[in-house]
Amino acid sequence: MTIEGIGTISVGEFVLKNVAYVPGLPVNLLSFQAANKSAGLVMCCSVDGVTISSISGSYTIHGYIKNGIYMLNSFCLTISDR
């Protein structure tokens, strides 16, 4: 699989920069370290799941663990090519 583009993704007030677009990839992968660096997110991981919030706390995404991987419950994206 090859990267066909690099862009910016907005999720609510989160803005993730330098996001790779890989059309054949069956899932969306999120690097916590890159997301924190790009958008300044607060991430709390536990044995039961994960919570990702904006620094202001006004926007939160919850996730769960499946086969040892954190899965996000809701990840609605607005994509732009900035």
N, C-alpha and C. Protein backbone atom coordinates (compact mmCIF):
# COMPACT_ATOMS: atom_id res chain seq x y z
N MET A 1 0.85 -1.18 0.00
CA MET A 1 0.00 0.00 0.00
C MET A 1 0.89 1.24 0.00
N THR A 2 0.44 2.24 -0.72
CA THR A 2 1.23 3.46 -0.81
C THR A 2 0.41 4.66 -0.34
N ILE A 3 1.12 5.65 0.16
CA ILE A 3 0.48 6.91 0.56
C ILE A 3 0.21 7.72 -0.70
N GLU A 4 -1.05 8.11 -0.89
CA GLU A 4 -1.42 8.87 -2.09
C GLU A 4 -1.58 10.35 -1.82
N GLY A 5 -1.51 10.75 -0.57
CA GLY A 5 -1.63 12.17 -0.26
C GLY A 5 -1.38 12.44 1.21
N ILE A 6 -1.07 13.68 1.50
CA ILE A 6 -0.86 14.16 2.87
C ILE A 6 -1.75 15.38 3.03
N GLY A 7 -2.47 15.45 4.15
CA GLY A 7 -3.38 16.58 4.34
C GLY A 7 -3.65 16.86 5.79
N THR A 8 -4.69 17.63 6.02
CA THR A 8 -5.12 18.04 7.35
C THR A 8 -6.52 17.50 7.59
N ILE A 9 -6.76 16.96 8.78
CA ILE A 9 -8.08 16.44 9.15
C ILE A 9 -8.58 17.23 10.35
N SER A 10 -9.83 17.67 10.29
CA SER A 10 -10.47 18.35 11.41
C SER A 10 -11.51 17.42 12.00
N VAL A 11 -11.45 17.22 13.31
CA VAL A 11 -12.43 16.41 14.04
C VAL A 11 -12.94 17.31 15.16
N GLY A 12 -14.10 17.93 14.95
CA GLY A 12 -14.56 18.93 15.92
C GLY A 12 -13.53 20.03 16.00
N GLU A 13 -13.03 20.29 17.19
CA GLU A 13 -12.00 21.32 17.33
C GLU A 13 -10.59 20.78 17.18
N PHE A 14 -10.44 19.44 17.01
CA PHE A 14 -9.13 18.85 16.79
C PHE A 14 -8.70 19.11 15.35
N VAL A 15 -7.46 19.48 15.15
CA VAL A 15 -6.90 19.62 13.81
C VAL A 15 -5.62 18.80 13.78
N LEU A 16 -5.64 17.74 12.97
CA LEU A 16 -4.47 16.89 12.83
C LEU A 16 -3.80 17.20 11.50
N LYS A 17 -2.52 17.54 11.55
CA LYS A 17 -1.77 17.91 10.35
C LYS A 17 -0.90 16.76 9.89
N ASN A 18 -0.51 16.80 8.63
CA ASN A 18 0.37 15.79 8.02
C ASN A 18 -0.21 14.39 8.13
N VAL A 19 -1.50 14.24 7.84
CA VAL A 19 -2.19 12.96 7.88
C VAL A 19 -2.03 12.28 6.53
N ALA A 20 -1.61 11.02 6.56
CA ALA A 20 -1.40 10.26 5.33
C ALA A 20 -2.71 9.64 4.85
N TYR A 21 -2.95 9.71 3.53
CA TYR A 21 -4.11 9.08 2.91
C TYR A 21 -3.65 7.82 2.20
N VAL A 22 -4.12 6.66 2.69
CA VAL A 22 -3.78 5.36 2.10
C VAL A 22 -5.10 4.69 1.73
N PRO A 23 -5.53 4.78 0.47
CA PRO A 23 -6.86 4.31 0.07
C PRO A 23 -7.15 2.84 0.36
N GLY A 24 -6.18 1.96 0.28
CA GLY A 24 -6.44 0.54 0.48
C GLY A 24 -6.42 0.09 1.94
N LEU A 25 -6.09 0.97 2.84
CA LEU A 25 -6.01 0.62 4.25
C LEU A 25 -7.42 0.44 4.82
N PRO A 26 -7.74 -0.73 5.40
CA PRO A 26 -9.11 -1.00 5.85
C PRO A 26 -9.50 -0.31 7.16
N VAL A 27 -8.55 0.32 7.84
CA VAL A 27 -8.83 1.03 9.10
C VAL A 27 -8.10 2.36 9.10
N ASN A 28 -8.51 3.25 10.00
CA ASN A 28 -7.79 4.50 10.21
C ASN A 28 -6.89 4.34 11.42
N LEU A 29 -5.63 4.66 11.28
CA LEU A 29 -4.68 4.55 12.38
C LEU A 29 -4.37 5.94 12.92
N LEU A 30 -4.27 6.04 14.24
CA LEU A 30 -3.98 7.31 14.87
C LEU A 30 -2.80 7.14 15.82
N SER A 31 -1.75 7.89 15.60
CA SER A 31 -0.60 7.90 16.50
C SER A 31 -0.89 8.88 17.63
N PHE A 32 -0.98 8.38 18.86
CA PHE A 32 -1.25 9.28 19.98
C PHE A 32 -0.18 10.36 20.10
N GLN A 33 1.07 9.98 19.92
CA GLN A 33 2.16 10.95 20.04
C GLN A 33 2.04 12.04 18.97
N ALA A 34 1.77 11.66 17.73
CA ALA A 34 1.63 12.64 16.65
C ALA A 34 0.40 13.51 16.86
N ALA A 35 -0.72 12.91 17.31
CA ALA A 35 -1.94 13.68 17.56
C ALA A 35 -1.73 14.68 18.69
N ASN A 36 -1.05 14.28 19.72
CA ASN A 36 -0.78 15.17 20.84
C ASN A 36 0.11 16.33 20.40
N LYS A 37 1.12 16.03 19.60
CA LYS A 37 2.03 17.05 19.09
C LYS A 37 1.31 18.01 18.14
N SER A 38 0.47 17.46 17.26
CA SER A 38 -0.22 18.25 16.25
C SER A 38 -1.39 19.06 16.81
N ALA A 39 -2.19 18.43 17.70
CA ALA A 39 -3.43 19.07 18.15
C ALA A 39 -3.46 19.36 19.64
N GLY A 40 -2.44 18.96 20.38
CA GLY A 40 -2.42 19.21 21.82
C GLY A 40 -3.54 18.50 22.55
N LEU A 41 -3.71 17.22 22.29
CA LEU A 41 -4.79 16.45 22.88
C LEU A 41 -4.38 15.86 24.22
N VAL A 42 -5.36 15.59 25.06
CA VAL A 42 -5.15 14.91 26.34
C VAL A 42 -5.68 13.49 26.15
N MET A 43 -4.84 12.49 26.41
CA MET A 43 -5.25 11.11 26.21
C MET A 43 -5.09 10.33 27.50
N CYS A 44 -6.15 9.66 27.91
CA CYS A 44 -6.14 8.84 29.11
C CYS A 44 -6.44 7.41 28.71
N CYS A 45 -5.47 6.52 28.93
CA CYS A 45 -5.62 5.11 28.58
C CYS A 45 -5.78 4.29 29.85
N SER A 46 -6.62 3.27 29.77
CA SER A 46 -6.81 2.36 30.90
C SER A 46 -6.92 0.94 30.37
N VAL A 47 -7.10 -0.02 31.26
CA VAL A 47 -7.25 -1.40 30.83
C VAL A 47 -8.57 -1.62 30.10
N ASP A 48 -9.52 -0.69 30.28
CA ASP A 48 -10.84 -0.82 29.66
C ASP A 48 -11.00 -0.04 28.36
N GLY A 49 -10.20 1.00 28.16
CA GLY A 49 -10.38 1.81 26.97
C GLY A 49 -9.54 3.07 26.97
N VAL A 50 -9.96 4.03 26.18
CA VAL A 50 -9.21 5.27 26.01
C VAL A 50 -10.19 6.44 25.91
N THR A 51 -9.77 7.59 26.43
CA THR A 51 -10.52 8.83 26.26
C THR A 51 -9.56 9.87 25.70
N ILE A 52 -9.93 10.51 24.60
CA ILE A 52 -9.13 11.55 23.97
C ILE A 52 -9.94 12.84 24.06
N SER A 53 -9.34 13.88 24.64
CA SER A 53 -10.06 15.14 24.84
C SER A 53 -9.23 16.31 24.35
N SER A 54 -9.92 17.39 24.03
CA SER A 54 -9.22 18.64 23.74
C SER A 54 -8.69 19.17 25.07
N ILE A 55 -7.69 20.02 25.01
CA ILE A 55 -7.12 20.58 26.24
C ILE A 55 -8.18 21.32 27.03
N SER A 56 -9.11 21.99 26.34
CA SER A 56 -10.17 22.73 27.02
C SER A 56 -11.21 21.79 27.63
N GLY A 57 -11.22 20.53 27.19
CA GLY A 57 -12.18 19.56 27.70
C GLY A 57 -13.55 19.65 27.05
N SER A 58 -13.68 20.50 26.05
CA SER A 58 -14.99 20.70 25.43
C SER A 58 -15.34 19.66 24.37
N TYR A 59 -14.37 18.84 23.98
CA TYR A 59 -14.61 17.82 22.96
C TYR A 59 -13.92 16.54 23.39
N THR A 60 -14.64 15.42 23.38
CA THR A 60 -14.10 14.15 23.84
C THR A 60 -14.51 13.02 22.91
N ILE A 61 -13.58 12.10 22.67
CA ILE A 61 -13.84 10.87 21.93
C ILE A 61 -13.49 9.71 22.85
N HIS A 62 -14.38 8.72 22.93
CA HIS A 62 -14.14 7.54 23.77
C HIS A 62 -13.85 6.33 22.89
N GLY A 63 -13.07 5.41 23.42
CA GLY A 63 -12.78 4.19 22.69
C GLY A 63 -12.70 3.00 23.61
N TYR A 64 -12.56 1.84 23.02
CA TYR A 64 -12.50 0.58 23.75
C TYR A 64 -11.33 -0.24 23.20
N ILE A 65 -11.03 -1.35 23.86
CA ILE A 65 -9.93 -2.21 23.43
C ILE A 65 -10.49 -3.43 22.70
N LYS A 66 -9.93 -3.72 21.52
CA LYS A 66 -10.31 -4.91 20.76
C LYS A 66 -9.02 -5.56 20.26
N ASN A 67 -8.79 -6.79 20.64
CA ASN A 67 -7.57 -7.51 20.23
C ASN A 67 -6.30 -6.73 20.54
N GLY A 68 -6.29 -6.06 21.70
CA GLY A 68 -5.09 -5.34 22.13
C GLY A 68 -4.90 -3.98 21.48
N ILE A 69 -5.88 -3.50 20.71
CA ILE A 69 -5.77 -2.21 20.02
C ILE A 69 -6.90 -1.30 20.49
N TYR A 70 -6.59 -0.04 20.77
CA TYR A 70 -7.63 0.92 21.12
C TYR A 70 -8.44 1.26 19.88
N MET A 71 -9.75 1.10 19.97
CA MET A 71 -10.66 1.39 18.87
C MET A 71 -11.52 2.58 19.29
N LEU A 72 -11.64 3.57 18.42
CA LEU A 72 -12.46 4.75 18.74
C LEU A 72 -13.91 4.49 18.39
N ASN A 73 -14.81 4.87 19.31
CA ASN A 73 -16.24 4.66 19.09
C ASN A 73 -16.77 5.55 17.99
N SER A 74 -16.30 6.78 17.94
CA SER A 74 -16.83 7.74 16.97
C SER A 74 -15.68 8.57 16.46
N PHE A 75 -15.53 8.60 15.15
CA PHE A 75 -14.45 9.39 14.58
C PHE A 75 -14.95 9.97 13.27
N CYS A 76 -15.80 10.99 13.34
CA CYS A 76 -16.34 11.64 12.15
C CYS A 76 -15.35 12.68 11.68
N LEU A 77 -14.95 12.61 10.43
CA LEU A 77 -13.89 13.45 9.93
C LEU A 77 -14.37 14.44 8.87
N THR A 78 -13.79 15.62 8.91
CA THR A 78 -13.92 16.57 7.81
C THR A 78 -12.51 16.75 7.26
N ILE A 79 -12.30 16.41 6.02
CA ILE A 79 -10.95 16.42 5.44
C ILE A 79 -10.76 17.64 4.55
N SER A 80 -9.60 18.27 4.69
CA SER A 80 -9.26 19.40 3.82
C SER A 80 -7.83 19.21 3.34
N ASP A 81 -7.41 19.95 2.28
CA ASP A 81 -6.02 19.83 1.79
C ASP A 81 -5.21 21.07 2.11
N ARG A 82 -5.22 21.48 3.31
CA ARG A 82 -4.42 22.66 3.70
C ARG A 82 -2.97 22.30 3.78
